[in-house]
Amino acid sequence: MKDKATHLAKRLSLFLAALVLPVLITACAATAAPAPTATPVPAPIVAATPMPTTAPAAAATPMPTTAPAAAAPAMVAGIKVATDAKLGQLLTDDRGMTLYLYTKDTPNTTNCYDACATNWPPAIVGATVPALPMGTPGKLSVVTRTDGGKQLAYNGQPLYYWAKDTKPGDTTGQGVGSVWYVLAPSDSPATPAKSGY
């Protein structure tokens, strides 16, 4: 029996050791020094670059040495009658830009091309001729230019813009060269509006 008790004690010791040993290992691991961790590396410090408060200066553009290309003719979408303090009633386009006649033109024929048309762009129309405002005397028509453009005419007189008129209501082309004039609404052939200057 003694052998049996010793044998049983050994077995019990082994059984307990098998149960206790994993618990002891786990407990020892928990009390052991913590595993080394990576030391955080601070982000590099970058000095902030101040944002400019004004736009950078534009590079100087050299002045052209040749004459500018001819201005594209302006497309007329409509006609208005405006009143100028010095000139009285006159024709403008739908934007209020003054229209002019050239006394060297003949009825239904334009004589202004090349440099002339650069300074005095023809009033070009699309497929549809605009109508005069209700109650305005006269008639609008189209003159075909030698370049194929369709130029608006009033009572047979081709119409133009003046390149130096920069805003609605400008009439700076009136009397230029004693051949360019604004137009007064009329039933008769187009005639220059009163001088006023």
Protein backbone atom coordinates (compact mmCIF):
# COMPACT_ATOMS: atom_id res chain seq x y z
CA MET A 1 0.00 0.00 0.00
CA LYS A 2 2.76 2.28 0.59
CA ASP A 3 3.72 1.95 -3.00
CA LYS A 4 0.25 2.76 -4.01
CA ALA A 5 0.21 5.89 -1.84
CA THR A 6 3.57 7.02 -3.21
CA HIS A 7 2.43 6.35 -6.70
CA LEU A 8 -0.77 8.26 -6.05
CA ALA A 9 1.17 11.15 -4.51
CA LYS A 10 3.48 11.33 -7.53
CA ARG A 11 0.53 11.33 -9.86
CA LEU A 12 -1.19 13.97 -7.87
CA SER A 13 1.99 16.07 -7.87
CA LEU A 14 2.32 15.71 -11.62
CA PHE A 15 -1.35 16.56 -12.08
CA LEU A 16 -1.01 19.62 -9.89
CA ALA A 17 2.22 20.61 -11.59
CA ALA A 18 0.49 20.34 -14.96
CA LEU A 19 -2.26 22.61 -13.70
CA VAL A 20 -0.11 25.04 -11.78
CA LEU A 21 2.82 25.33 -14.19
CA PRO A 22 0.91 27.17 -16.99
CA VAL A 23 -0.60 29.47 -14.38
CA LEU A 24 2.84 30.20 -12.95
CA ILE A 25 4.33 30.81 -16.39
CA THR A 26 1.52 33.22 -17.26
CA ALA A 27 1.88 34.97 -13.92
CA CYS A 28 5.63 35.26 -14.31
CA ALA A 29 5.27 36.65 -17.81
CA ALA A 30 2.84 39.28 -16.54
CA THR A 31 5.24 40.42 -13.85
CA ALA A 32 8.26 40.40 -16.12
CA ALA A 33 9.49 43.68 -17.54
CA PRO A 34 7.26 44.99 -20.32
CA ALA A 35 8.39 44.44 -23.84
CA PRO A 36 10.24 47.39 -25.27
CA THR A 37 8.02 49.75 -27.26
CA ALA A 38 9.02 52.03 -30.08
CA THR A 39 9.86 55.49 -28.94
CA PRO A 40 7.67 57.97 -30.76
CA VAL A 41 9.64 60.09 -33.19
CA PRO A 42 8.43 63.68 -33.32
CA ALA A 43 7.43 64.98 -36.74
CA PRO A 44 10.00 67.26 -38.27
CA ILE A 45 9.37 70.91 -37.61
CA VAL A 46 8.95 72.88 -40.80
CA ALA A 47 8.84 76.64 -40.67
CA ALA A 48 5.63 77.99 -42.15
CA THR A 49 6.09 80.04 -45.29
CA PRO A 50 3.91 83.14 -45.15
CA MET A 51 1.38 83.42 -47.97
CA PRO A 52 1.78 86.53 -50.13
CA THR A 53 -0.86 89.17 -49.50
CA THR A 54 -0.68 90.60 -52.99
CA ALA A 55 -0.48 89.01 -56.39
CA PRO A 56 3.00 88.73 -57.83
CA ALA A 57 3.88 91.40 -60.34
CA ALA A 58 3.25 90.38 -63.91
CA ALA A 59 6.20 90.15 -66.21
CA ALA A 60 6.55 93.11 -68.50
CA THR A 61 5.04 92.49 -71.91
CA PRO A 62 6.95 94.03 -74.76
CA MET A 63 5.00 96.45 -76.92
CA PRO A 64 4.19 95.06 -80.35
CA THR A 65 6.23 96.52 -83.16
CA THR A 66 3.62 95.79 -85.82
CA ALA A 67 0.09 97.05 -86.23
CA PRO A 68 -2.52 95.02 -84.33
CA ALA A 69 -4.62 92.54 -86.25
CA ALA A 70 -7.92 93.83 -87.54
CA ALA A 71 -10.62 93.82 -84.89
CA ALA A 72 -13.28 91.20 -85.37
CA PRO A 73 -16.46 92.80 -86.66
CA ALA A 74 -19.11 93.17 -83.99
CA MET A 75 -22.27 91.09 -84.35
CA VAL A 76 -25.43 93.19 -84.08
CA ALA A 77 -28.33 91.47 -82.31
CA GLY A 78 -30.68 94.44 -82.11
CA ILE A 79 -31.10 98.17 -82.71
CA LYS A 80 -32.09 100.90 -80.25
CA VAL A 81 -32.70 104.63 -80.47
CA ALA A 82 -30.73 106.57 -77.86
CA THR A 83 -30.75 110.26 -77.00
CA ASP A 84 -27.50 112.16 -76.66
CA ALA A 85 -27.51 115.56 -74.92
CA LYS A 86 -25.57 117.20 -77.80
CA LEU A 87 -26.56 115.09 -80.81
CA GLY A 88 -30.19 114.29 -80.11
CA GLN A 89 -31.62 110.92 -81.17
CA LEU A 90 -29.21 108.41 -82.71
CA LEU A 91 -29.03 104.70 -83.55
CA THR A 92 -27.17 102.25 -81.33
CA ASP A 93 -26.93 98.48 -81.14
CA ASP A 94 -28.72 96.48 -78.45
CA ARG A 95 -25.78 97.06 -76.04
CA GLY A 96 -26.00 100.85 -76.46
CA MET A 97 -22.87 101.14 -78.64
CA THR A 98 -23.20 103.98 -81.16
CA LEU A 99 -23.52 103.15 -84.86
CA TYR A 100 -21.97 105.39 -87.54
CA LEU A 101 -22.27 106.06 -91.27
CA TYR A 102 -19.36 106.70 -93.66
CA THR A 103 -20.08 109.45 -96.19
CA LYS A 104 -17.73 107.84 -98.75
CA ASP A 105 -20.03 104.79 -98.96
CA THR A 106 -22.70 104.69 -101.65
CA PRO A 107 -26.18 103.25 -101.07
CA ASN A 108 -25.97 99.50 -100.42
CA THR A 109 -22.19 99.47 -100.95
CA THR A 110 -19.43 99.69 -98.37
CA ASN A 111 -16.07 101.26 -99.17
CA CYS A 112 -14.42 100.65 -95.77
CA TYR A 113 -11.92 97.75 -95.75
CA ASP A 114 -8.48 96.91 -94.33
CA ALA A 115 -7.16 99.68 -92.02
CA CYS A 116 -10.46 101.53 -92.34
CA ALA A 117 -12.38 98.44 -91.09
CA THR A 118 -9.89 98.03 -88.23
CA ASN A 119 -10.74 101.51 -86.95
CA TRP A 120 -14.38 101.35 -88.03
CA PRO A 121 -15.52 97.72 -87.58
CA PRO A 122 -18.57 96.93 -89.71
CA ALA A 123 -21.84 96.15 -87.91
CA ILE A 124 -22.21 92.50 -88.93
CA VAL A 125 -25.48 90.56 -88.68
CA GLY A 126 -26.19 86.85 -88.52
CA ALA A 127 -28.89 84.97 -90.39
CA THR A 128 -31.61 87.26 -89.02
CA VAL A 129 -31.71 91.01 -89.62
CA PRO A 130 -32.71 92.78 -86.40
CA ALA A 131 -35.87 94.89 -86.38
CA LEU A 132 -36.05 98.60 -85.67
CA PRO A 133 -37.78 99.55 -82.42
CA MET A 134 -41.53 100.07 -82.77
CA GLY A 135 -42.29 103.51 -84.22
CA THR A 136 -38.76 104.13 -85.51
CA PRO A 137 -38.78 105.41 -89.10
CA GLY A 138 -36.58 103.94 -91.82
CA LYS A 139 -35.62 100.46 -92.91
CA LEU A 140 -32.85 97.99 -92.03
CA SER A 141 -31.24 95.86 -94.74
CA VAL A 142 -28.06 93.87 -95.37
CA VAL A 143 -25.07 94.77 -97.55
CA THR A 144 -22.77 91.92 -98.64
CA ARG A 145 -19.12 92.89 -98.20
CA THR A 146 -16.36 91.74 -100.56
CA ASP A 147 -15.08 89.48 -97.75
CA GLY A 148 -18.51 87.78 -97.61
CA GLY A 149 -19.60 89.43 -94.36
CA LYS A 150 -23.22 90.58 -94.02
CA GLN A 151 -23.19 94.23 -92.89
CA LEU A 152 -26.25 95.92 -91.45
CA ALA A 153 -27.45 99.00 -93.32
CA TYR A 154 -29.99 101.68 -92.38
CA ASN A 155 -31.92 103.15 -95.31
CA GLY A 156 -29.24 101.61 -97.56
CA GLN A 157 -26.33 103.17 -95.62
CA PRO A 158 -23.83 100.56 -94.21
CA LEU A 159 -23.36 100.87 -90.43
CA TYR A 160 -20.12 100.85 -88.45
CA TYR A 161 -18.71 101.07 -84.93
CA TRP A 162 -15.83 103.34 -83.92
CA ALA A 163 -12.96 101.41 -82.30
CA LYS A 164 -12.34 104.24 -79.79
CA ASP A 165 -15.88 104.13 -78.39
CA THR A 166 -15.33 101.99 -75.29
CA LYS A 167 -18.67 102.07 -73.50
CA PRO A 168 -22.37 102.47 -74.27
CA GLY A 169 -23.27 106.08 -75.03
CA ASP A 170 -19.80 107.06 -76.34
CA THR A 171 -20.00 109.15 -79.53
CA THR A 172 -16.30 109.96 -79.97
CA GLY A 173 -16.44 109.04 -83.68
CA GLN A 174 -18.82 111.91 -84.51
CA GLY A 175 -17.26 114.08 -87.22
CA VAL A 176 -13.95 112.17 -87.45
CA GLY A 177 -12.26 113.17 -90.71
CA SER A 178 -15.44 115.04 -91.61
CA VAL A 179 -16.74 111.73 -93.05
CA TRP A 180 -17.98 109.71 -90.03
CA TYR A 181 -21.26 110.54 -88.29
CA VAL A 182 -23.88 109.09 -85.96
CA LEU A 183 -27.27 108.46 -87.57
CA ALA A 184 -30.53 110.13 -86.64
CA PRO A 185 -33.68 108.00 -87.16
CA SER A 186 -35.31 109.08 -90.44
CA ASP A 187 -37.51 107.83 -93.31
CA SER A 188 -35.22 109.42 -95.88
CA PRO A 189 -31.79 108.16 -96.92
CA ALA A 190 -29.51 107.97 -93.91
CA THR A 191 -28.20 111.35 -92.90
CA PRO A 192 -25.78 112.36 -90.22
CA ALA A 193 -27.24 113.53 -86.93
CA LYS A 194 -26.75 117.20 -86.06
CA SER A 195 -23.17 117.97 -85.18
CA GLY A 196 -23.59 119.23 -81.63
CA TYR A 197 -19.85 119.75 -81.30
